[in-house]
PDB file of N, CA and C in Angstrom:
ATOM      1  N   MET A   1       0.860  -1.165   0.000  1.00  0.00           N
ATOM      2  CA  MET A   1       0.000   0.000   0.000  1.00  0.00           C
ATOM      3  C   MET A   1       0.909   1.231   0.000  1.00  0.00           C
ATOM      4  N   SER A   2       0.528   2.214  -0.790  1.00  0.00           N
ATOM      5  CA  SER A   2       1.352   3.407  -0.882  1.00  0.00           C
ATOM      6  C   SER A   2       1.248   4.234   0.393  1.00  0.00           C
ATOM      7  N   ARG A   3       2.269   5.029   0.631  1.00  0.00           N
ATOM      8  CA  ARG A   3       2.302   5.854   1.837  1.00  0.00           C
ATOM      9  C   ARG A   3       1.165   6.875   1.829  1.00  0.00           C
ATOM     10  N   ARG A   4       0.867   7.438   0.652  1.00  0.00           N
ATOM     11  CA  ARG A   4      -0.184   8.437   0.563  1.00  0.00           C
ATOM     12  C   ARG A   4      -1.552   7.829   0.895  1.00  0.00           C
ATOM     13  N   LEU A   5      -1.827   6.648   0.331  1.00  0.00           N
ATOM     14  CA  LEU A   5      -3.095   5.993   0.602  1.00  0.00           C
ATOM     15  C   LEU A   5      -3.191   5.584   2.072  1.00  0.00           C
ATOM     16  N   ASN A   6      -2.088   5.177   2.629  1.00  0.00           N
ATOM     17  CA  ASN A   6      -2.058   4.796   4.036  1.00  0.00           C
ATOM     18  C   ASN A   6      -2.393   5.988   4.922  1.00  0.00           C
ATOM     19  N   ARG A   7      -1.873   7.159   4.611  1.00  0.00           N
ATOM     20  CA  ARG A   7      -2.184   8.358   5.393  1.00  0.00           C
ATOM     21  C   ARG A   7      -3.636   8.770   5.228  1.00  0.00           C
ATOM     22  N   GLN A   8      -4.178   8.621   4.017  1.00  0.00           N
ATOM     23  CA  GLN A   8      -5.580   8.975   3.800  1.00  0.00           C
ATOM     24  C   GLN A   8      -6.492   8.054   4.610  1.00  0.00           C
ATOM     25  N   LEU A   9      -6.173   6.796   4.647  1.00  0.00           N
ATOM     26  CA  LEU A   9      -6.978   5.861   5.430  1.00  0.00           C
ATOM     27  C   LEU A   9      -6.899   6.187   6.916  1.00  0.00           C
ATOM     28  N   GLY A  10      -5.732   6.618   7.364  1.00  0.00           N
ATOM     29  CA  GLY A  10      -5.570   6.951   8.767  1.00  0.00           C
ATOM     30  C   GLY A  10      -6.359   8.170   9.177  1.00  0.00           C
ATOM     31  N   LYS A  11      -6.536   9.108   8.268  1.00  0.00           N
ATOM     32  CA  LYS A  11      -7.256  10.340   8.586  1.00  0.00           C
ATOM     33  C   LYS A  11      -8.752  10.234   8.329  1.00  0.00           C
ATOM     34  N   ALA A  12      -9.180   9.223   7.622  1.00  0.00           N
ATOM     35  CA  ALA A  12     -10.592   9.098   7.262  1.00  0.00           C
ATOM     36  C   ALA A  12     -11.434   8.843   8.508  1.00  0.00           C
ATOM     37  N   PRO A  13     -12.654   9.434   8.567  1.00  0.00           N
ATOM     38  CA  PRO A  13     -13.526   9.154   9.713  1.00  0.00           C
ATOM     39  C   PRO A  13     -13.955   7.683   9.679  1.00  0.00           C
ATOM     40  N   GLY A  14     -13.807   7.033  10.789  1.00  0.00           N
ATOM     41  CA  GLY A  14     -14.139   5.612  10.849  1.00  0.00           C
ATOM     42  C   GLY A  14     -13.070   4.726  10.249  1.00  0.00           C
ATOM     43  N   GLY A  15     -11.959   5.347   9.868  1.00  0.00           N
ATOM     44  CA  GLY A  15     -10.872   4.556   9.289  1.00  0.00           C
ATOM     45  C   GLY A  15     -10.101   3.817  10.367  1.00  0.00           C
ATOM     46  N   ARG A  16      -9.036   3.194   9.946  1.00  0.00           N
ATOM     47  CA  ARG A  16      -8.281   2.399  10.899  1.00  0.00           C
ATOM     48  C   ARG A  16      -7.507   3.269  11.879  1.00  0.00           C
ATOM     49  N   GLY A  17      -7.192   4.462  11.475  1.00  0.00           N
ATOM     50  CA  GLY A  17      -6.507   5.374  12.390  1.00  0.00           C
ATOM     51  C   GLY A  17      -5.032   5.035  12.538  1.00  0.00           C
ATOM     52  N   ILE A  18      -4.338   5.910  13.231  1.00  0.00           N
ATOM     53  CA  ILE A  18      -2.908   5.705  13.410  1.00  0.00           C
ATOM     54  C   ILE A  18      -2.568   5.341  14.845  1.00  0.00           C
ATOM     55  N   GLU A  19      -3.607   5.201  15.684  1.00  0.00           N
ATOM     56  CA  GLU A  19      -3.352   4.828  17.064  1.00  0.00           C
ATOM     57  C   GLU A  19      -2.935   3.359  17.114  1.00  0.00           C
ATOM     58  N   PRO A  20      -2.067   3.048  18.038  1.00  0.00           N
ATOM     59  CA  PRO A  20      -1.691   1.628  18.159  1.00  0.00           C
ATOM     60  C   PRO A  20      -2.868   0.814  18.683  1.00  0.00           C
ATOM     61  N   SER A  21      -2.859  -0.446  18.319  1.00  0.00           N
ATOM     62  CA  SER A  21      -3.943  -1.310  18.777  1.00  0.00           C
ATOM     63  C   SER A  21      -3.822  -1.514  20.283  1.00  0.00           C
ATOM     64  N   PRO A  22      -4.934  -1.733  20.955  1.00  0.00           N
ATOM     65  CA  PRO A  22      -4.869  -1.902  22.417  1.00  0.00           C
ATOM     66  C   PRO A  22      -4.073  -3.160  22.781  1.00  0.00           C
ATOM     67  N   ARG A  23      -3.421  -3.074  23.924  1.00  0.00           N
ATOM     68  CA  ARG A  23      -2.618  -4.220  24.376  1.00  0.00           C
ATOM     69  C   ARG A  23      -3.533  -5.372  24.764  1.00  0.00           C
ATOM     70  N   PRO A  24      -3.083  -6.577  24.525  1.00  0.00           N
ATOM     71  CA  PRO A  24      -3.909  -7.717  24.945  1.00  0.00           C
ATOM     72  C   PRO A  24      -4.001  -7.778  26.460  1.00  0.00           C
ATOM     73  N   ARG A  25      -5.142  -8.274  26.926  1.00  0.00           N
ATOM     74  CA  ARG A  25      -5.338  -8.370  28.370  1.00  0.00           C
ATOM     75  C   ARG A  25      -4.398  -9.407  28.955  1.00  0.00           C
ATOM     76  N   ALA A  26      -3.975  -9.157  30.159  1.00  0.00           N
ATOM     77  CA  ALA A  26      -3.124 -10.109  30.856  1.00  0.00           C
ATOM     78  C   ALA A  26      -3.955 -11.321  31.265  1.00  0.00           C
ATOM     79  N   ALA A  27      -3.316 -12.461  31.282  1.00  0.00           N
ATOM     80  CA  ALA A  27      -4.015 -13.676  31.673  1.00  0.00           C
ATOM     81  C   ALA A  27      -4.391 -13.593  33.147  1.00  0.00           C
ATOM     82  N   VAL A  28      -5.601 -14.041  33.447  1.00  0.00           N
ATOM     83  CA  VAL A  28      -6.087 -14.015  34.815  1.00  0.00           C
ATOM     84  C   VAL A  28      -5.524 -15.234  35.538  1.00  0.00           C
ATOM     85  N   THR A  29      -4.891 -14.994  36.671  1.00  0.00           N
ATOM     86  CA  THR A  29      -4.371 -16.125  37.434  1.00  0.00           C
ATOM     87  C   THR A  29      -5.507 -16.709  38.258  1.00  0.00           C
ATOM     88  N   ARG A  30      -5.685 -18.006  38.117  1.00  0.00           N
ATOM     89  CA  ARG A  30      -6.761 -18.683  38.828  1.00  0.00           C
ATOM     90  C   ARG A  30      -6.185 -19.543  39.942  1.00  0.00           C
ATOM     91  N   THR A  31      -6.945 -19.657  40.988  1.00  0.00           N
ATOM     92  CA  THR A  31      -6.533 -20.491  42.104  1.00  0.00           C
ATOM     93  C   THR A  31      -6.778 -21.955  41.738  1.00  0.00           C
ATOM     94  N   PRO A  32      -6.101 -22.871  42.409  1.00  0.00           N
ATOM     95  CA  PRO A  32      -6.358 -24.292  42.133  1.00  0.00           C
ATOM     96  C   PRO A  32      -7.813 -24.679  42.366  1.00  0.00           C
ATOM     97  N   LEU A  33      -8.472 -24.034  43.332  1.00  0.00           N
ATOM     98  CA  LEU A  33      -9.877 -24.341  43.589  1.00  0.00           C
ATOM     99  C   LEU A  33     -10.756 -23.908  42.416  1.00  0.00           C
ATOM    100  N   GLN A  34     -10.448 -22.766  41.809  1.00  0.00           N
ATOM    101  CA  GLN A  34     -11.205 -22.316  40.650  1.00  0.00           C
ATOM    102  C   GLN A  34     -11.000 -23.254  39.467  1.00  0.00           C
ATOM    103  N   ARG A  35      -9.752 -23.717  39.273  1.00  0.00           N
ATOM    104  CA  ARG A  35      -9.480 -24.665  38.195  1.00  0.00           C
ATOM    105  C   ARG A  35     -10.219 -25.969  38.418  1.00  0.00           C
ATOM    106  N   LEU A  36     -10.222 -26.446  39.663  1.00  0.00           N
ATOM    107  CA  LEU A  36     -10.920 -27.684  39.991  1.00  0.00           C
ATOM    108  C   LEU A  36     -12.419 -27.540  39.732  1.00  0.00           C
ATOM    109  N   ASN A  37     -12.992 -26.413  40.135  1.00  0.00           N
ATOM    110  CA  ASN A  37     -14.418 -26.176  39.909  1.00  0.00           C
ATOM    111  C   ASN A  37     -14.750 -26.159  38.420  1.00  0.00           C
ATOM    112  N   ARG A  38     -13.888 -25.550  37.615  1.00  0.00           N
ATOM    113  CA  ARG A  38     -14.133 -25.495  36.166  1.00  0.00           C
ATOM    114  C   ARG A  38     -14.055 -26.886  35.547  1.00  0.00           C
ATOM    115  N   ILE A  39     -13.073 -27.671  35.959  1.00  0.00           N
ATOM    116  CA  ILE A  39     -12.944 -29.033  35.440  1.00  0.00           C
ATOM    117  C   ILE A  39     -14.171 -29.856  35.805  1.00  0.00           C
ATOM    118  N   LEU A  40     -14.609 -29.755  37.060  1.00  0.00           N
ATOM    119  CA  LEU A  40     -15.769 -30.526  37.499  1.00  0.00           C
ATOM    120  C   LEU A  40     -17.050 -30.065  36.813  1.00  0.00           C
ATOM    121  N   LEU A  41     -17.160 -28.770  36.551  1.00  0.00           N
ATOM    122  CA  LEU A  41     -18.345 -28.256  35.867  1.00  0.00           C
ATOM    123  C   LEU A  41     -18.427 -28.796  34.450  1.00  0.00           C
ATOM    124  N   ILE A  42     -17.317 -28.765  33.732  1.00  0.00           N
ATOM    125  CA  ILE A  42     -17.305 -29.257  32.357  1.00  0.00           C
ATOM    126  C   ILE A  42     -17.525 -30.763  32.324  1.00  0.00           C
ATOM    127  N   ALA A  43     -16.849 -31.481  33.218  1.00  0.00           N
ATOM    128  CA  ALA A  43     -17.007 -32.933  33.257  1.00  0.00           C
ATOM    129  C   ALA A  43     -18.425 -33.330  33.644  1.00  0.00           C
ATOM    130  N   GLY A  44     -18.993 -32.649  34.619  1.00  0.00           N
ATOM    131  CA  GLY A  44     -20.351 -32.960  35.052  1.00  0.00           C
ATOM    132  C   GLY A  44     -21.372 -32.688  33.968  1.00  0.00           C
ATOM    133  N   ALA A  45     -21.178 -31.599  33.230  1.00  0.00           N
ATOM    134  CA  ALA A  45     -22.103 -31.298  32.136  1.00  0.00           C
ATOM    135  C   ALA A  45     -22.023 -32.375  31.060  1.00  0.00           C
ATOM    136  N   GLY A  46     -20.823 -32.816  30.743  1.00  0.00           N
ATOM    137  CA  GLY A  46     -20.664 -33.874  29.741  1.00  0.00           C
ATOM    138  C   GLY A  46     -21.275 -35.185  30.189  1.00  0.00           C
ATOM    139  N   LEU A  47     -21.047 -35.539  31.445  1.00  0.00           N
ATOM    140  CA  LEU A  47     -21.610 -36.791  31.958  1.00  0.00           C
ATOM    141  C   LEU A  47     -23.140 -36.736  32.024  1.00  0.00           C
ATOM    142  N   ALA A  48     -23.675 -35.610  32.461  1.00  0.00           N
ATOM    143  CA  ALA A  48     -25.126 -35.484  32.539  1.00  0.00           C
ATOM    144  C   ALA A  48     -25.757 -35.534  31.144  1.00  0.00           C
ATOM    145  N   PHE A  49     -25.125 -34.874  30.190  1.00  0.00           N
ATOM    146  CA  PHE A  49     -25.623 -34.907  28.812  1.00  0.00           C
ATOM    147  C   PHE A  49     -25.600 -36.336  28.276  1.00  0.00           C
ATOM    148  N   GLY A  50     -24.511 -37.059  28.559  1.00  0.00           N
ATOM    149  CA  GLY A  50     -24.415 -38.447  28.117  1.00  0.00           C
ATOM    150  C   GLY A  50     -25.464 -39.330  28.774  1.00  0.00           C
ATOM    151  N   ALA A  51     -25.723 -39.110  30.055  1.00  0.00           N
ATOM    152  CA  ALA A  51     -26.711 -39.926  30.758  1.00  0.00           C
ATOM    153  C   ALA A  51     -28.112 -39.687  30.204  1.00  0.00           C
ATOM    154  N   VAL A  52     -28.446 -38.436  29.932  1.00  0.00           N
ATOM    155  CA  VAL A  52     -29.763 -38.120  29.379  1.00  0.00           C
ATOM    156  C   VAL A  52     -29.889 -38.695  27.968  1.00  0.00           C
ATOM    157  N   LEU A  53     -28.836 -38.560  27.166  1.00  0.00           N
ATOM    158  CA  LEU A  53     -28.865 -39.088  25.807  1.00  0.00           C
ATOM    159  C   LEU A  53     -29.010 -40.607  25.816  1.00  0.00           C
ATOM    160  N   LEU A  54     -28.273 -41.268  26.689  1.00  0.00           N
ATOM    161  CA  LEU A  54     -28.359 -42.721  26.797  1.00  0.00           C
ATOM    162  C   LEU A  54     -29.750 -43.163  27.252  1.00  0.00           C
ATOM    163  N   ALA A  55     -30.318 -42.425  28.199  1.00  0.00           N
ATOM    164  CA  ALA A  55     -31.660 -42.768  28.679  1.00  0.00           C
ATOM    165  C   ALA A  55     -32.712 -42.571  27.588  1.00  0.00           C
ATOM    166  N   LEU A  56     -32.537 -41.569  26.743  1.00  0.00           N
ATOM    167  CA  LEU A  56     -33.512 -41.319  25.680  1.00  0.00           C
ATOM    168  C   LEU A  56     -33.378 -42.318  24.533  1.00  0.00           C
ATOM    169  N   LEU A  57     -32.162 -42.826  24.313  1.00  0.00           N
ATOM    170  CA  LEU A  57     -31.954 -43.750  23.203  1.00  0.00           C
ATOM    171  C   LEU A  57     -32.370 -45.178  23.537  1.00  0.00           C
ATOM    172  N   THR A  58     -32.345 -45.561  24.796  1.00  0.00           N
ATOM    173  CA  THR A  58     -32.725 -46.923  25.155  1.00  0.00           C
ATOM    174  C   THR A  58     -34.243 -47.047  25.155  1.00  0.00           C
ATOM    175  N   LYS A  59     -34.702 -48.192  24.732  1.00  0.00           N
ATOM    176  CA  LYS A  59     -36.146 -48.442  24.716  1.00  0.00           C
ATOM    177  C   LYS A  59     -36.468 -49.475  25.770  1.00  0.00           C
ATOM    178  N   PRO A  60     -37.455 -49.382  26.546  1.00  0.00           N
ATOM    179  CA  PRO A  60     -38.341 -48.246  26.764  1.00  0.00           C
ATOM    180  C   PRO A  60     -37.682 -47.217  27.689  1.00  0.00           C
ATOM    181  N   PHE A  61     -38.136 -45.983  27.599  1.00  0.00           N
ATOM    182  CA  PHE A  61     -37.596 -44.905  28.434  1.00  0.00           C
ATOM    183  C   PHE A  61     -37.973 -45.158  29.893  1.00  0.00           C
ATOM    184  N   ASP A  62     -36.960 -45.153  30.754  1.00  0.00           N
ATOM    185  CA  ASP A  62     -37.183 -45.404  32.187  1.00  0.00           C
ATOM    186  C   ASP A  62     -36.716 -44.178  32.972  1.00  0.00           C
ATOM    187  N   PRO A  63     -37.630 -43.326  33.437  1.00  0.00           N
ATOM    188  CA  PRO A  63     -37.212 -42.116  34.157  1.00  0.00           C
ATOM    189  C   PRO A  63     -36.524 -42.435  35.481  1.00  0.00           C
ATOM    190  N   LYS A  64     -36.862 -43.570  36.080  1.00  0.00           N
ATOM    191  CA  LYS A  64     -36.225 -43.935  37.343  1.00  0.00           C
ATOM    192  C   LYS A  64     -34.733 -44.222  37.114  1.00  0.00           C
ATOM    193  N   LEU A  65     -34.413 -44.907  36.017  1.00  0.00           N
ATOM    194  CA  LEU A  65     -33.015 -45.196  35.688  1.00  0.00           C
ATOM    195  C   LEU A  65     -32.244 -43.909  35.400  1.00  0.00           C
ATOM    196  N   LEU A  66     -32.890 -42.965  34.720  1.00  0.00           N
ATOM    197  CA  LEU A  66     -32.252 -41.670  34.453  1.00  0.00           C
ATOM    198  C   LEU A  66     -31.967 -40.938  35.757  1.00  0.00           C
ATOM    199  N   GLY A  67     -32.915 -40.952  36.680  1.00  0.00           N
ATOM    200  CA  GLY A  67     -32.700 -40.295  37.975  1.00  0.00           C
ATOM    201  C   GLY A  67     -31.564 -40.929  38.752  1.00  0.00           C
ATOM    202  N   ILE A  68     -31.483 -42.259  38.704  1.00  0.00           N
ATOM    203  CA  ILE A  68     -30.392 -42.951  39.401  1.00  0.00           C
ATOM    204  C   ILE A  68     -29.051 -42.582  38.778  1.00  0.00           C
ATOM    205  N   ASN A  69     -28.995 -42.539  37.448  1.00  0.00           N
ATOM    206  CA  ASN A  69     -27.744 -42.170  36.772  1.00  0.00           C
ATOM    207  C   ASN A  69     -27.319 -40.746  37.112  1.00  0.00           C
ATOM    208  N   LEU A  70     -28.272 -39.811  37.094  1.00  0.00           N
ATOM    209  CA  LEU A  70     -27.928 -38.414  37.398  1.00  0.00           C
ATOM    210  C   LEU A  70     -27.520 -38.248  38.858  1.00  0.00           C
ATOM    211  N   ALA A  71     -28.173 -38.989  39.754  1.00  0.00           N
ATOM    212  CA  ALA A  71     -27.780 -38.923  41.167  1.00  0.00           C
ATOM    213  C   ALA A  71     -26.379 -39.497  41.361  1.00  0.00           C
ATOM    214  N   ALA A  72     -26.061 -40.572  40.648  1.00  0.00           N
ATOM    215  CA  ALA A  72     -24.721 -41.156  40.756  1.00  0.00           C
ATOM    216  C   ALA A  72     -23.660 -40.206  40.214  1.00  0.00           C
ATOM    217  N   ILE A  73     -23.985 -39.506  39.130  1.00  0.00           N
ATOM    218  CA  ILE A  73     -23.039 -38.523  38.582  1.00  0.00           C
ATOM    219  C   ILE A  73     -22.826 -37.389  39.585  1.00  0.00           C
ATOM    220  N   GLY A  74     -23.917 -36.901  40.178  1.00  0.00           N
ATOM    221  CA  GLY A  74     -23.795 -35.830  41.177  1.00  0.00           C
ATOM    222  C   GLY A  74     -22.967 -36.257  42.373  1.00  0.00           C
ATOM    223  N   LEU A  75     -23.201 -37.479  42.850  1.00  0.00           N
ATOM    224  CA  LEU A  75     -22.428 -37.988  43.983  1.00  0.00           C
ATOM    225  C   LEU A  75     -20.959 -38.142  43.613  1.00  0.00           C
ATOM    226  N   GLY A  76     -20.705 -38.622  42.401  1.00  0.00           N
ATOM    227  CA  GLY A  76     -19.323 -38.769  41.943  1.00  0.00           C
ATOM    228  C   GLY A  76     -18.603 -37.436  41.837  1.00  0.00           C
ATOM    229  N   LEU A  77     -19.303 -36.418  41.361  1.00  0.00           N
ATOM    230  CA  LEU A  77     -18.688 -35.089  41.259  1.00  0.00           C
ATOM    231  C   LEU A  77     -18.427 -34.503  42.643  1.00  0.00           C
ATOM    232  N   LEU A  78     -19.334 -34.743  43.565  1.00  0.00           N
ATOM    233  CA  LEU A  78     -19.123 -34.265  44.932  1.00  0.00           C
ATOM    234  C   LEU A  78     -17.907 -34.955  45.564  1.00  0.00           C
ATOM    235  N   MET A  79     -17.785 -36.252  45.317  1.00  0.00           N
ATOM    236  CA  MET A  79     -16.613 -36.976  45.822  1.00  0.00           C
ATOM    237  C   MET A  79     -15.340 -36.482  45.141  1.00  0.00           C
ATOM    238  N   GLY A  80     -15.432 -36.191  43.841  1.00  0.00           N
ATOM    239  CA  GLY A  80     -14.272 -35.658  43.120  1.00  0.00           C
ATOM    240  C   GLY A  80     -13.849 -34.307  43.651  1.00  0.00           C
ATOM    241  N   LYS A  81     -14.819 -33.495  44.022  1.00  0.00           N
ATOM    242  CA  LYS A  81     -14.503 -32.175  44.601  1.00  0.00           C
ATOM    243  C   LYS A  81     -13.780 -32.350  45.939  1.00  0.00           C
ATOM    244  N   GLY A  82     -14.286 -33.258  46.783  1.00  0.00           N
ATOM    245  CA  GLY A  82     -13.622 -33.493  48.062  1.00  0.00           C
ATOM    246  C   GLY A  82     -12.229 -34.059  47.884  1.00  0.00           C
ATOM    247  N   PHE A  83     -12.085 -34.999  46.951  1.00  0.00           N
ATOM    248  CA  PHE A  83     -10.775 -35.590  46.686  1.00  0.00           C
ATOM    249  C   PHE A  83      -9.813 -34.546  46.128  1.00  0.00           C
ATOM    250  N   GLY A  84     -10.311 -33.700  45.221  1.00  0.00           N
ATOM    251  CA  GLY A  84      -9.466 -32.648  44.645  1.00  0.00           C
ATOM    252  C   GLY A  84      -9.048 -31.613  45.674  1.00  0.00           C
ATOM    253  N   MET A  85      -9.962 -31.268  46.573  1.00  0.00           N
ATOM    254  CA  MET A  85      -9.610 -30.300  47.616  1.00  0.00           C
ATOM    255  C   MET A  85      -8.578 -30.903  48.573  1.00  0.00           C
ATOM    256  N   PHE A  86      -8.648 -32.221  48.767  1.00  0.00           N
ATOM    257  CA  PHE A  86      -7.654 -32.878  49.621  1.00  0.00           C
ATOM    258  C   PHE A  86      -6.299 -32.922  48.914  1.00  0.00           C
ATOM    259  N   MET A  87      -6.302 -33.242  47.633  1.00  0.00           N
ATOM    260  CA  MET A  87      -5.038 -33.362  46.892  1.00  0.00           C
ATOM    261  C   MET A  87      -4.367 -32.004  46.676  1.00  0.00           C
ATOM    262  N   PHE A  88      -5.164 -30.972  46.409  1.00  0.00           N
ATOM    263  CA  PHE A  88      -4.607 -29.660  46.089  1.00  0.00           C
ATOM    264  C   PHE A  88      -4.706 -28.696  47.258  1.00  0.00           C
ATOM    265  N   ARG A  89      -4.785 -29.227  48.462  1.00  0.00           N
ATOM    266  CA  ARG A  89      -4.912 -28.339  49.609  1.00  0.00           C
ATOM    267  C   ARG A  89      -3.616 -27.542  49.782  1.00  0.00           C
ATOM    268  N   ARG A  90      -3.767 -26.426  50.394  1.00  0.00           N
ATOM    269  CA  ARG A  90      -2.616 -25.545  50.608  1.00  0.00           C
ATOM    270  C   ARG A  90      -2.027 -25.871  51.966  1.00  0.00           C
ATOM    271  N   VAL A  91      -0.768 -26.231  51.947  1.00  0.00           N
ATOM    272  CA  VAL A  91      -0.088 -26.551  53.199  1.00  0.00           C
ATOM    273  C   VAL A  91       0.531 -25.274  53.740  1.00  0.00           C
ATOM    274  N   LEU A  92       0.054 -24.846  54.888  1.00  0.00           N
ATOM    275  CA  LEU A  92       0.550 -23.609  55.466  1.00  0.00           C
ATOM    276  C   LEU A  92       1.742 -23.909  56.360  1.00  0.00           C
ATOM    277  N   PRO A  93       2.757 -23.078  56.297  1.00  0.00           N
ATOM    278  CA  PRO A  93       3.910 -23.318  57.178  1.00  0.00           C
ATOM    279  C   PRO A  93       3.529 -23.075  58.640  1.00  0.00           C
ATOM    280  N   THR A  94       4.124 -23.846  59.509  1.00  0.00           N
ATOM    281  CA  THR A  94       3.846 -23.664  60.937  1.00  0.00           C
ATOM    282  C   THR A  94       4.601 -22.455  61.444  1.00  0.00           C
ATOM    283  N   ALA A  95       3.997 -21.783  62.402  1.00  0.00           N
ATOM    284  CA  ALA A  95       4.639 -20.592  62.986  1.00  0.00           C
ATOM    285  C   ALA A  95       5.786 -21.055  63.890  1.00  0.00           C
ATOM    286  N   SER A  96       6.895 -20.376  63.750  1.00  0.00           N
ATOM    287  CA  SER A  96       8.041 -20.734  64.585  1.00  0.00           C
ATOM    288  C   SER A  96       7.905 -20.029  65.937  1.00  0.00           C
ATOM    289  N   HIS A  97       8.065 -20.788  66.994  1.00  0.00           N
ATOM    290  CA  HIS A  97       7.947 -20.238  68.340  1.00  0.00           C
ATOM    291  C   HIS A  97       9.333 -19.921  68.857  1.00  0.00           C
ATOM    292  N   LYS A  98       9.496 -18.717  69.443  1.00  0.00           N
ATOM    293  CA  LYS A  98      10.804 -18.322  69.974  1.00  0.00           C
ATOM    294  C   LYS A  98      10.816 -18.336  71.446  1.00  0.00           C
TER     295      LYS A  98
END
């Protein structure tokens, strides 16, 4: 692109302008608990979707079986949350006594 055309585009109303583009946002640092919650949310949604799909595809449809499957998924996610909080717990240093 020629220099003259580039300057005209920069001065045009609604044009690209000559200002530098905004800096990209810094990555948000997440705590291990937030990461664990996100993993469990995505996994739970996938498992629940699979359980509902499986229940709808099997003949005959049994709502009691679907409820049992969803309750088992919920219990498993709750256990996973407890296990994850135990594994990723923060070990605090003990205070030194003088």
